[in-house]
Amino acid sequence: VQKIIKSAAGVPGITTDAIMVALMAAMAESSFKNYANSGVPESLNYPHDAVGSDHDSVGFWQMRQGWGTTAELMDIDYQVKAFFGGPEGPNGGSPRGLFDIEGWETMTKGEAAQKVEVSAHPDRYQAFETLAAALVQQFSSGINFCNGSLTFAGEAGHPLGDSEKYPVTAGYGYTYKSAAL
């Protein structure tokens, strides 16, 4: 979940709603596991959390080979960019990512996830909205959504969104100051 949210930080136009849709779909499709596929032997050569055998689907969102090469589909950053799609996405609108779907923002999040996934079980995504909301709240602490994008400094979310303009000068926790006794 942290990897998905962190990777989404680089997607132009990202919002908390878009991330929730992505998390709902990833939970329904893979329980947040990056799946290799025994029917796609090359996928076994890349880091993965589990091995499945559903058609030629791989990754967190069970993307089929038309979404990219096997190497690309096993890469979390590529998967995230492909899931969101849009003008900056690697899919070029086919297959459609979330940002390629007109009006996705006015749909329920489950409907939006189904439009991307085109599942034979369209009702299963909505069940994960509460979980997705909790995960976004838990793992996006300190992330700046104000300008439509996410910004990170190192492994932690930067509270002001611009780590160059506002450098982190001290770690989190109690700070000791010299005091005359």
N, C-alpha and C. Protein backbone atom coordinates (compact mmCIF):
# COMPACT_ATOMS: atom_id res chain seq x y z
N VAL A 1 0.84 -1.19 0.00
CA VAL A 1 0.00 0.00 0.00
C VAL A 1 0.88 1.24 0.00
N GLN A 2 1.91 1.24 0.82
CA GLN A 2 2.82 2.39 0.84
C GLN A 2 3.48 2.59 -0.51
N LYS A 3 3.88 1.50 -1.16
CA LYS A 3 4.52 1.61 -2.46
C LYS A 3 3.56 2.17 -3.50
N ILE A 4 2.31 1.75 -3.46
CA ILE A 4 1.32 2.26 -4.40
C ILE A 4 1.12 3.75 -4.19
N ILE A 5 0.93 4.17 -2.93
CA ILE A 5 0.71 5.58 -2.63
C ILE A 5 1.94 6.40 -2.99
N LYS A 6 3.13 5.90 -2.64
CA LYS A 6 4.36 6.64 -2.96
C LYS A 6 4.54 6.77 -4.47
N SER A 7 4.28 5.71 -5.21
CA SER A 7 4.42 5.77 -6.66
C SER A 7 3.39 6.72 -7.27
N ALA A 8 2.19 6.73 -6.70
CA ALA A 8 1.14 7.63 -7.19
C ALA A 8 1.52 9.09 -7.02
N ALA A 9 2.45 9.38 -6.11
CA ALA A 9 2.88 10.76 -5.88
C ALA A 9 3.39 11.43 -7.16
N GLY A 10 3.93 10.66 -8.08
CA GLY A 10 4.47 11.23 -9.30
C GLY A 10 3.48 11.32 -10.45
N VAL A 11 2.25 10.94 -10.23
CA VAL A 11 1.25 10.96 -11.29
C VAL A 11 0.56 12.32 -11.33
N PRO A 12 0.67 13.03 -12.45
CA PRO A 12 0.02 14.35 -12.55
C PRO A 12 -1.48 14.26 -12.32
N GLY A 13 -2.01 15.17 -11.52
CA GLY A 13 -3.44 15.24 -11.27
C GLY A 13 -3.95 14.27 -10.23
N ILE A 14 -3.05 13.61 -9.50
CA ILE A 14 -3.47 12.60 -8.53
C ILE A 14 -4.27 13.26 -7.40
N THR A 15 -5.27 12.54 -6.90
CA THR A 15 -6.10 13.00 -5.80
C THR A 15 -6.30 11.84 -4.82
N THR A 16 -6.80 12.16 -3.64
CA THR A 16 -7.08 11.09 -2.68
C THR A 16 -8.16 10.16 -3.23
N ASP A 17 -9.15 10.70 -3.93
CA ASP A 17 -10.20 9.84 -4.51
C ASP A 17 -9.60 8.87 -5.53
N ALA A 18 -8.69 9.34 -6.36
CA ALA A 18 -8.07 8.47 -7.36
C ALA A 18 -7.27 7.37 -6.68
N ILE A 19 -6.55 7.72 -5.63
CA ILE A 19 -5.78 6.71 -4.91
C ILE A 19 -6.71 5.70 -4.25
N MET A 20 -7.83 6.17 -3.71
CA MET A 20 -8.79 5.23 -3.13
C MET A 20 -9.30 4.24 -4.17
N VAL A 21 -9.60 4.71 -5.36
CA VAL A 21 -10.06 3.81 -6.43
C VAL A 21 -8.98 2.77 -6.73
N ALA A 22 -7.74 3.22 -6.83
CA ALA A 22 -6.63 2.30 -7.11
C ALA A 22 -6.48 1.26 -6.00
N LEU A 23 -6.57 1.69 -4.75
CA LEU A 23 -6.43 0.76 -3.63
C LEU A 23 -7.59 -0.23 -3.59
N MET A 24 -8.81 0.25 -3.85
CA MET A 24 -9.96 -0.65 -3.88
C MET A 24 -9.78 -1.73 -4.94
N ALA A 25 -9.30 -1.33 -6.11
CA ALA A 25 -9.09 -2.29 -7.19
C ALA A 25 -7.96 -3.26 -6.86
N ALA A 26 -6.86 -2.75 -6.29
CA ALA A 26 -5.73 -3.62 -5.95
C ALA A 26 -6.12 -4.62 -4.86
N MET A 27 -6.92 -4.19 -3.91
CA MET A 27 -7.37 -5.12 -2.86
C MET A 27 -8.25 -6.22 -3.46
N ALA A 28 -9.19 -5.83 -4.31
CA ALA A 28 -10.09 -6.81 -4.92
C ALA A 28 -9.35 -7.76 -5.85
N GLU A 29 -8.40 -7.24 -6.61
CA GLU A 29 -7.72 -8.06 -7.62
C GLU A 29 -6.61 -8.94 -7.05
N SER A 30 -5.91 -8.45 -6.00
CA SER A 30 -4.72 -9.18 -5.57
C SER A 30 -4.47 -9.19 -4.07
N SER A 31 -5.34 -8.58 -3.30
CA SER A 31 -5.09 -8.43 -1.85
C SER A 31 -3.74 -7.75 -1.61
N PHE A 32 -3.41 -6.80 -2.48
CA PHE A 32 -2.17 -6.02 -2.41
C PHE A 32 -0.92 -6.87 -2.59
N LYS A 33 -1.02 -7.91 -3.40
CA LYS A 33 0.14 -8.73 -3.72
C LYS A 33 0.51 -8.50 -5.18
N ASN A 34 1.80 -8.39 -5.42
CA ASN A 34 2.31 -8.26 -6.78
C ASN A 34 2.45 -9.68 -7.34
N TYR A 35 1.48 -10.08 -8.15
CA TYR A 35 1.41 -11.45 -8.65
C TYR A 35 2.26 -11.66 -9.89
N ALA A 36 3.05 -12.73 -9.86
CA ALA A 36 3.62 -13.30 -11.08
C ALA A 36 2.57 -14.30 -11.57
N ASN A 37 2.80 -14.91 -12.73
CA ASN A 37 1.82 -15.83 -13.30
C ASN A 37 2.55 -17.04 -13.86
N SER A 38 2.15 -18.23 -13.44
CA SER A 38 2.80 -19.45 -13.93
C SER A 38 2.64 -19.62 -15.43
N GLY A 39 1.60 -19.03 -16.02
CA GLY A 39 1.40 -19.09 -17.46
C GLY A 39 2.21 -18.05 -18.22
N VAL A 40 2.86 -17.16 -17.49
CA VAL A 40 3.75 -16.14 -18.07
C VAL A 40 5.10 -16.34 -17.38
N PRO A 41 5.87 -17.35 -17.80
CA PRO A 41 7.09 -17.73 -17.08
C PRO A 41 8.06 -16.56 -16.84
N GLU A 42 8.14 -15.62 -17.77
CA GLU A 42 9.04 -14.49 -17.59
C GLU A 42 8.71 -13.71 -16.32
N SER A 43 7.43 -13.66 -15.93
CA SER A 43 7.03 -12.89 -14.75
C SER A 43 7.67 -13.42 -13.48
N LEU A 44 8.02 -14.70 -13.47
CA LEU A 44 8.66 -15.31 -12.30
C LEU A 44 10.07 -14.79 -12.08
N ASN A 45 10.65 -14.15 -13.09
CA ASN A 45 12.01 -13.61 -12.98
C ASN A 45 12.06 -12.25 -12.29
N TYR A 46 10.92 -11.69 -11.95
CA TYR A 46 10.85 -10.36 -11.35
C TYR A 46 10.33 -10.48 -9.93
N PRO A 47 10.67 -9.49 -9.08
CA PRO A 47 10.15 -9.54 -7.71
C PRO A 47 8.62 -9.67 -7.70
N HIS A 48 8.13 -10.60 -6.87
CA HIS A 48 6.70 -10.83 -6.76
C HIS A 48 6.38 -11.37 -5.37
N ASP A 49 5.11 -11.23 -4.98
CA ASP A 49 4.66 -11.67 -3.67
C ASP A 49 3.92 -13.00 -3.73
N ALA A 50 3.41 -13.35 -4.90
CA ALA A 50 2.62 -14.57 -5.05
C ALA A 50 2.64 -14.98 -6.52
N VAL A 51 2.21 -16.21 -6.77
CA VAL A 51 2.12 -16.72 -8.15
C VAL A 51 0.68 -17.16 -8.39
N GLY A 52 0.11 -16.63 -9.47
CA GLY A 52 -1.24 -17.00 -9.86
C GLY A 52 -1.23 -17.65 -11.22
N SER A 53 -2.44 -17.88 -11.77
CA SER A 53 -2.53 -18.52 -13.09
C SER A 53 -3.77 -18.05 -13.84
N ASP A 54 -4.23 -16.83 -13.56
CA ASP A 54 -5.43 -16.30 -14.20
C ASP A 54 -5.07 -15.72 -15.57
N HIS A 55 -5.40 -16.44 -16.62
CA HIS A 55 -5.08 -16.02 -18.00
C HIS A 55 -3.61 -15.62 -18.09
N ASP A 56 -3.32 -14.38 -18.51
CA ASP A 56 -1.94 -13.88 -18.56
C ASP A 56 -1.80 -12.65 -17.66
N SER A 57 -2.61 -12.59 -16.60
CA SER A 57 -2.66 -11.44 -15.70
C SER A 57 -1.53 -11.46 -14.69
N VAL A 58 -0.94 -10.28 -14.45
CA VAL A 58 0.13 -10.14 -13.46
C VAL A 58 -0.05 -8.82 -12.69
N GLY A 59 0.67 -8.73 -11.60
CA GLY A 59 0.73 -7.48 -10.85
C GLY A 59 -0.38 -7.29 -9.83
N PHE A 60 -0.39 -6.11 -9.24
CA PHE A 60 -1.37 -5.76 -8.21
C PHE A 60 -2.79 -5.68 -8.77
N TRP A 61 -2.92 -5.22 -10.02
CA TRP A 61 -4.23 -5.04 -10.63
C TRP A 61 -4.54 -6.12 -11.66
N GLN A 62 -3.75 -7.21 -11.66
CA GLN A 62 -3.97 -8.32 -12.57
C GLN A 62 -4.10 -7.82 -14.01
N MET A 63 -3.12 -7.02 -14.42
CA MET A 63 -3.11 -6.45 -15.77
C MET A 63 -2.72 -7.52 -16.78
N ARG A 64 -3.41 -7.50 -17.89
CA ARG A 64 -3.13 -8.44 -18.98
C ARG A 64 -1.97 -7.90 -19.81
N GLN A 65 -1.41 -8.73 -20.66
CA GLN A 65 -0.22 -8.37 -21.42
C GLN A 65 -0.41 -7.16 -22.34
N GLY A 66 -1.62 -6.82 -22.72
CA GLY A 66 -1.86 -5.63 -23.54
C GLY A 66 -1.55 -4.32 -22.84
N TRP A 67 -1.39 -4.38 -21.51
CA TRP A 67 -1.09 -3.17 -20.74
C TRP A 67 0.38 -2.79 -20.83
N GLY A 68 1.23 -3.70 -21.26
CA GLY A 68 2.67 -3.44 -21.35
C GLY A 68 3.43 -4.75 -21.45
N THR A 69 4.74 -4.66 -21.45
CA THR A 69 5.57 -5.86 -21.47
C THR A 69 5.52 -6.52 -20.10
N THR A 70 5.93 -7.75 -20.02
CA THR A 70 5.95 -8.44 -18.74
C THR A 70 6.84 -7.71 -17.75
N ALA A 71 8.00 -7.27 -18.20
CA ALA A 71 8.90 -6.51 -17.31
C ALA A 71 8.21 -5.27 -16.78
N GLU A 72 7.53 -4.55 -17.65
CA GLU A 72 6.83 -3.33 -17.21
C GLU A 72 5.72 -3.66 -16.23
N LEU A 73 4.95 -4.70 -16.52
CA LEU A 73 3.81 -5.05 -15.69
C LEU A 73 4.20 -5.60 -14.32
N MET A 74 5.42 -6.02 -14.16
CA MET A 74 5.88 -6.49 -12.86
C MET A 74 6.51 -5.35 -12.04
N ASP A 75 6.62 -4.18 -12.63
CA ASP A 75 7.22 -3.01 -11.97
C ASP A 75 6.13 -2.15 -11.34
N ILE A 76 6.23 -1.89 -10.05
CA ILE A 76 5.19 -1.14 -9.34
C ILE A 76 4.98 0.24 -9.92
N ASP A 77 6.04 0.97 -10.24
CA ASP A 77 5.87 2.32 -10.77
C ASP A 77 5.13 2.31 -12.11
N TYR A 78 5.47 1.36 -12.97
CA TYR A 78 4.78 1.26 -14.25
C TYR A 78 3.32 0.88 -14.04
N GLN A 79 3.05 -0.09 -13.16
CA GLN A 79 1.68 -0.52 -12.91
C GLN A 79 0.81 0.66 -12.45
N VAL A 80 1.35 1.47 -11.54
CA VAL A 80 0.60 2.61 -11.02
C VAL A 80 0.31 3.60 -12.16
N LYS A 81 1.32 3.93 -12.95
CA LYS A 81 1.11 4.85 -14.07
C LYS A 81 0.09 4.29 -15.06
N ALA A 82 0.14 3.00 -15.32
CA ALA A 82 -0.81 2.38 -16.25
C ALA A 82 -2.21 2.38 -15.66
N PHE A 83 -2.34 2.11 -14.36
CA PHE A 83 -3.67 2.10 -13.76
C PHE A 83 -4.32 3.48 -13.89
N PHE A 84 -3.56 4.53 -13.65
CA PHE A 84 -4.14 5.88 -13.74
C PHE A 84 -4.24 6.36 -15.19
N GLY A 85 -3.32 5.96 -16.05
CA GLY A 85 -3.39 6.33 -17.47
C GLY A 85 -3.39 7.82 -17.68
N GLY A 86 -4.33 8.32 -18.48
CA GLY A 86 -4.40 9.75 -18.77
C GLY A 86 -3.36 10.17 -19.79
N PRO A 87 -3.28 11.48 -20.05
CA PRO A 87 -2.36 11.99 -21.07
C PRO A 87 -0.89 11.63 -20.80
N GLU A 88 -0.53 11.48 -19.53
CA GLU A 88 0.85 11.16 -19.17
C GLU A 88 1.08 9.66 -19.00
N GLY A 89 0.02 8.87 -19.09
CA GLY A 89 0.12 7.44 -18.85
C GLY A 89 0.75 6.68 -20.00
N PRO A 90 1.33 5.51 -19.71
CA PRO A 90 2.00 4.73 -20.74
C PRO A 90 1.05 3.99 -21.69
N ASN A 91 -0.25 3.92 -21.35
CA ASN A 91 -1.19 3.14 -22.14
C ASN A 91 -1.68 3.86 -23.39
N GLY A 92 -1.57 5.19 -23.42
CA GLY A 92 -2.10 5.95 -24.55
C GLY A 92 -3.60 5.79 -24.69
N GLY A 93 -4.29 5.55 -23.58
CA GLY A 93 -5.75 5.43 -23.61
C GLY A 93 -6.30 4.06 -23.94
N SER A 94 -5.43 3.10 -24.28
CA SER A 94 -5.89 1.76 -24.59
C SER A 94 -4.85 0.74 -24.12
N PRO A 95 -5.19 -0.05 -23.12
CA PRO A 95 -6.41 -0.04 -22.34
C PRO A 95 -6.55 1.25 -21.53
N ARG A 96 -7.79 1.53 -21.13
CA ARG A 96 -8.07 2.77 -20.42
C ARG A 96 -7.64 2.69 -18.97
N GLY A 97 -6.91 3.74 -18.55
CA GLY A 97 -6.63 3.92 -17.14
C GLY A 97 -7.73 4.80 -16.55
N LEU A 98 -7.68 5.01 -15.26
CA LEU A 98 -8.71 5.78 -14.57
C LEU A 98 -8.89 7.16 -15.17
N PHE A 99 -7.79 7.85 -15.45
CA PHE A 99 -7.88 9.22 -15.96
C PHE A 99 -8.31 9.29 -17.43
N ASP A 100 -8.45 8.15 -18.08
CA ASP A 100 -8.97 8.09 -19.46
C ASP A 100 -10.50 7.93 -19.47
N ILE A 101 -11.09 7.74 -18.32
CA ILE A 101 -12.53 7.49 -18.22
C ILE A 101 -13.24 8.79 -17.91
N GLU A 102 -14.00 9.27 -18.87
CA GLU A 102 -14.71 10.53 -18.70
C GLU A 102 -15.72 10.42 -17.57
N GLY A 103 -15.66 11.38 -16.65
CA GLY A 103 -16.62 11.45 -15.56
C GLY A 103 -16.37 10.50 -14.41
N TRP A 104 -15.20 9.89 -14.33
CA TRP A 104 -14.93 8.95 -13.25
C TRP A 104 -15.12 9.59 -11.87
N GLU A 105 -14.87 10.90 -11.79
CA GLU A 105 -14.95 11.61 -10.51
C GLU A 105 -16.38 11.64 -9.97
N THR A 106 -17.39 11.53 -10.83
CA THR A 106 -18.78 11.59 -10.39
C THR A 106 -19.38 10.20 -10.16
N MET A 107 -18.64 9.17 -10.47
CA MET A 107 -19.09 7.79 -10.24
C MET A 107 -18.80 7.40 -8.79
N THR A 108 -19.43 6.33 -8.32
CA THR A 108 -18.96 5.78 -7.05
C THR A 108 -17.55 5.26 -7.31
N LYS A 109 -16.78 5.16 -6.27
CA LYS A 109 -15.40 4.68 -6.44
C LYS A 109 -15.39 3.23 -6.95
N GLY A 110 -16.36 2.44 -6.52
CA GLY A 110 -16.47 1.07 -7.02
C GLY A 110 -16.77 1.02 -8.50
N GLU A 111 -17.66 1.90 -8.98
CA GLU A 111 -17.97 1.97 -10.41
C GLU A 111 -16.73 2.40 -11.20
N ALA A 112 -15.98 3.36 -10.66
CA ALA A 112 -14.77 3.82 -11.35
C ALA A 112 -13.75 2.69 -11.43
N ALA A 113 -13.58 1.94 -10.34
CA ALA A 113 -12.65 0.81 -10.37
C ALA A 113 -13.07 -0.21 -11.41
N GLN A 114 -14.36 -0.49 -11.49
CA GLN A 114 -14.87 -1.45 -12.48
C GLN A 114 -14.62 -0.96 -13.90
N LYS A 115 -14.74 0.33 -14.15
CA LYS A 115 -14.50 0.87 -15.49
C LYS A 115 -13.06 0.62 -15.93
N VAL A 116 -12.12 0.65 -14.97
CA VAL A 116 -10.72 0.36 -15.31
C VAL A 116 -10.52 -1.15 -15.44
N GLU A 117 -11.01 -1.90 -14.49
CA GLU A 117 -10.73 -3.34 -14.43
C GLU A 117 -11.58 -4.18 -15.38
N VAL A 118 -12.78 -3.74 -15.70
CA VAL A 118 -13.70 -4.48 -16.57
C VAL A 118 -13.81 -5.93 -16.10
N SER A 119 -14.18 -6.09 -14.85
CA SER A 119 -14.24 -7.41 -14.22
C SER A 119 -15.58 -8.10 -14.49
N ALA A 120 -15.55 -9.41 -14.44
CA ALA A 120 -16.78 -10.19 -14.53
C ALA A 120 -17.56 -10.12 -13.21
N HIS A 121 -16.95 -9.52 -12.19
CA HIS A 121 -17.56 -9.35 -10.87
C HIS A 121 -17.56 -7.87 -10.52
N PRO A 122 -18.39 -7.06 -11.16
CA PRO A 122 -18.32 -5.61 -11.02
C PRO A 122 -18.67 -5.05 -9.65
N ASP A 123 -19.34 -5.81 -8.82
CA ASP A 123 -19.78 -5.29 -7.52
C ASP A 123 -18.75 -5.47 -6.40
N ARG A 124 -17.67 -6.16 -6.67
CA ARG A 124 -16.76 -6.47 -5.56
C ARG A 124 -15.89 -5.30 -5.12
N TYR A 125 -15.67 -4.30 -5.94
CA TYR A 125 -14.77 -3.20 -5.58
C TYR A 125 -15.33 -2.32 -4.47
N GLN A 126 -16.63 -2.04 -4.53
CA GLN A 126 -17.25 -1.11 -3.58
C GLN A 126 -17.06 -1.56 -2.14
N ALA A 127 -16.96 -2.84 -1.91
CA ALA A 127 -16.81 -3.38 -0.56
C ALA A 127 -15.54 -2.90 0.13
N PHE A 128 -14.58 -2.38 -0.63
CA PHE A 128 -13.30 -2.00 -0.06
C PHE A 128 -13.13 -0.49 0.12
N GLU A 129 -14.20 0.27 -0.04
CA GLU A 129 -14.07 1.73 0.08
C GLU A 129 -13.66 2.17 1.49
N THR A 130 -14.25 1.59 2.51
CA THR A 130 -13.91 1.97 3.89
C THR A 130 -12.45 1.63 4.17
N LEU A 131 -12.02 0.46 3.74
CA LEU A 131 -10.62 0.08 3.91
C LEU A 131 -9.70 1.05 3.17
N ALA A 132 -10.03 1.37 1.94
CA ALA A 132 -9.20 2.29 1.15
C ALA A 132 -9.09 3.65 1.82
N ALA A 133 -10.19 4.15 2.36
CA ALA A 133 -10.16 5.45 3.04
C ALA A 133 -9.24 5.39 4.25
N ALA A 134 -9.31 4.31 5.01
CA ALA A 134 -8.44 4.16 6.19
C ALA A 134 -6.97 4.05 5.78
N LEU A 135 -6.69 3.34 4.70
CA LEU A 135 -5.31 3.19 4.24
C LEU A 135 -4.74 4.51 3.73
N VAL A 136 -5.54 5.28 3.00
CA VAL A 136 -5.07 6.59 2.55
C VAL A 136 -4.78 7.47 3.75
N GLN A 137 -5.66 7.45 4.73
CA GLN A 137 -5.43 8.26 5.93
C GLN A 137 -4.18 7.80 6.67
N GLN A 138 -4.00 6.49 6.80
CA GLN A 138 -2.86 5.93 7.52
C GLN A 138 -1.53 6.20 6.83
N PHE A 139 -1.48 6.01 5.51
CA PHE A 139 -0.20 6.03 4.82
C PHE A 139 0.09 7.30 4.02
N SER A 140 -0.80 8.28 4.04
CA SER A 140 -0.50 9.51 3.32
C SER A 140 -0.32 10.68 4.27
N SER A 141 -0.06 10.40 5.52
CA SER A 141 0.18 11.45 6.50
C SER A 141 1.35 12.31 6.05
N GLY A 142 1.15 13.61 6.03
CA GLY A 142 2.20 14.53 5.63
C GLY A 142 2.34 14.71 4.13
N ILE A 143 1.42 14.18 3.35
CA ILE A 143 1.50 14.30 1.91
C ILE A 143 0.67 15.50 1.48
N ASN A 144 1.20 16.28 0.59
CA ASN A 144 0.52 17.48 0.11
C ASN A 144 -0.37 17.16 -1.08
N PHE A 145 -1.69 17.27 -0.90
CA PHE A 145 -2.63 17.08 -1.99
C PHE A 145 -3.13 18.42 -2.52
N CYS A 146 -2.66 19.53 -1.96
CA CYS A 146 -3.22 20.85 -2.27
C CYS A 146 -3.10 21.22 -3.75
N ASN A 147 -1.99 20.85 -4.38
CA ASN A 147 -1.81 21.24 -5.77
C ASN A 147 -2.13 20.10 -6.74
N GLY A 148 -2.82 19.10 -6.24
CA GLY A 148 -3.22 17.99 -7.11
C GLY A 148 -2.16 16.94 -7.28
N SER A 149 -1.05 17.06 -6.55
CA SER A 149 -0.01 16.04 -6.64
C SER A 149 0.48 15.73 -5.23
N LEU A 150 1.25 14.68 -5.12
CA LEU A 150 1.82 14.29 -3.84
C LEU A 150 3.31 14.54 -3.89
N THR A 151 3.90 14.94 -2.78
CA THR A 151 5.33 15.18 -2.74
C THR A 151 5.91 14.47 -1.53
N PHE A 152 7.02 13.77 -1.72
CA PHE A 152 7.69 13.10 -0.64
C PHE A 152 9.10 13.63 -0.49
N ALA A 153 9.60 13.63 0.74
CA ALA A 153 11.01 13.92 1.02
C ALA A 153 11.57 12.65 1.63
N GLY A 154 12.46 11.96 0.95
CA GLY A 154 12.97 10.69 1.43
C GLY A 154 11.86 9.68 1.50
N GLU A 155 11.76 8.97 2.61
CA GLU A 155 10.72 7.96 2.78
C GLU A 155 9.47 8.51 3.46
N ALA A 156 9.54 9.73 3.96
CA ALA A 156 8.39 10.29 4.66
C ALA A 156 7.71 11.33 3.79
N GLY A 157 6.42 11.52 4.00
CA GLY A 157 5.70 12.57 3.29
C GLY A 157 6.12 13.92 3.83
N HIS A 158 6.39 14.88 2.98
CA HIS A 158 6.78 16.22 3.40
C HIS A 158 5.53 17.04 3.66
N PRO A 159 5.39 17.60 4.86
CA PRO A 159 4.15 18.29 5.20
C PRO A 159 3.87 19.54 4.37
N LEU A 160 4.88 20.16 3.81
CA LEU A 160 4.67 21.36 3.01
C LEU A 160 4.76 21.10 1.52
N GLY A 161 5.08 19.87 1.13
CA GLY A 161 5.02 19.49 -0.26
C GLY A 161 6.21 19.85 -1.12
N ASP A 162 7.12 20.67 -0.66
CA ASP A 162 8.26 21.10 -1.47
C ASP A 162 9.52 20.99 -0.64
N SER A 163 10.20 19.84 -0.72
CA SER A 163 11.36 19.58 0.13
C SER A 163 12.57 20.44 -0.23
N GLU A 164 12.61 21.01 -1.44
CA GLU A 164 13.72 21.91 -1.78
C GLU A 164 13.50 23.29 -1.19
N LYS A 165 12.28 23.78 -1.28
CA LYS A 165 11.97 25.11 -0.74
C LYS A 165 11.92 25.08 0.79
N TYR A 166 11.43 23.96 1.34
CA TYR A 166 11.29 23.81 2.79
C TYR A 166 12.03 22.56 3.24
N PRO A 167 13.37 22.63 3.37
CA PRO A 167 14.12 21.42 3.73
C PRO A 167 13.82 20.96 5.15
N VAL A 168 13.87 19.64 5.35
CA VAL A 168 13.70 19.07 6.66
C VAL A 168 15.02 19.28 7.41
N THR A 169 14.95 19.95 8.56
CA THR A 169 16.18 20.27 9.31
C THR A 169 16.33 19.45 10.58
N ALA A 170 15.29 18.74 10.98
CA ALA A 170 15.37 17.90 12.17
C ALA A 170 14.42 16.74 12.00
N GLY A 171 14.77 15.63 12.60
CA GLY A 171 13.91 14.46 12.54
C GLY A 171 12.70 14.61 13.44
N TYR A 172 11.81 13.66 13.36
CA TYR A 172 10.60 13.67 14.17
C TYR A 172 10.94 13.26 15.60
N GLY A 173 10.30 13.87 16.54
CA GLY A 173 10.49 13.48 17.94
C GLY A 173 10.91 14.67 18.80
N TYR A 174 11.22 14.35 20.02
CA TYR A 174 11.57 15.38 20.98
C TYR A 174 12.90 16.02 20.60
N THR A 175 12.98 17.34 20.68
CA THR A 175 14.22 18.07 20.40
C THR A 175 14.73 18.67 21.70
N TYR A 176 15.99 18.37 22.03
CA TYR A 176 16.59 18.90 23.23
C TYR A 176 17.17 20.28 22.95
N LYS A 177 16.97 21.22 23.85
CA LYS A 177 17.55 22.55 23.71
C LYS A 177 18.44 22.79 24.91
N SER A 178 19.50 23.51 24.66
CA SER A 178 20.37 23.88 25.78
C SER A 178 19.64 24.86 26.65
N ALA A 179 19.76 24.69 27.91
CA ALA A 179 19.12 25.62 28.84
C ALA A 179 20.08 25.86 30.00
N ALA A 180 20.15 27.10 30.38
CA ALA A 180 21.01 27.44 31.53
C ALA A 180 20.27 27.01 32.79
N LEU A 181 20.94 26.25 33.63
CA LEU A 181 20.32 25.79 34.87
C LEU A 181 20.64 26.69 35.98
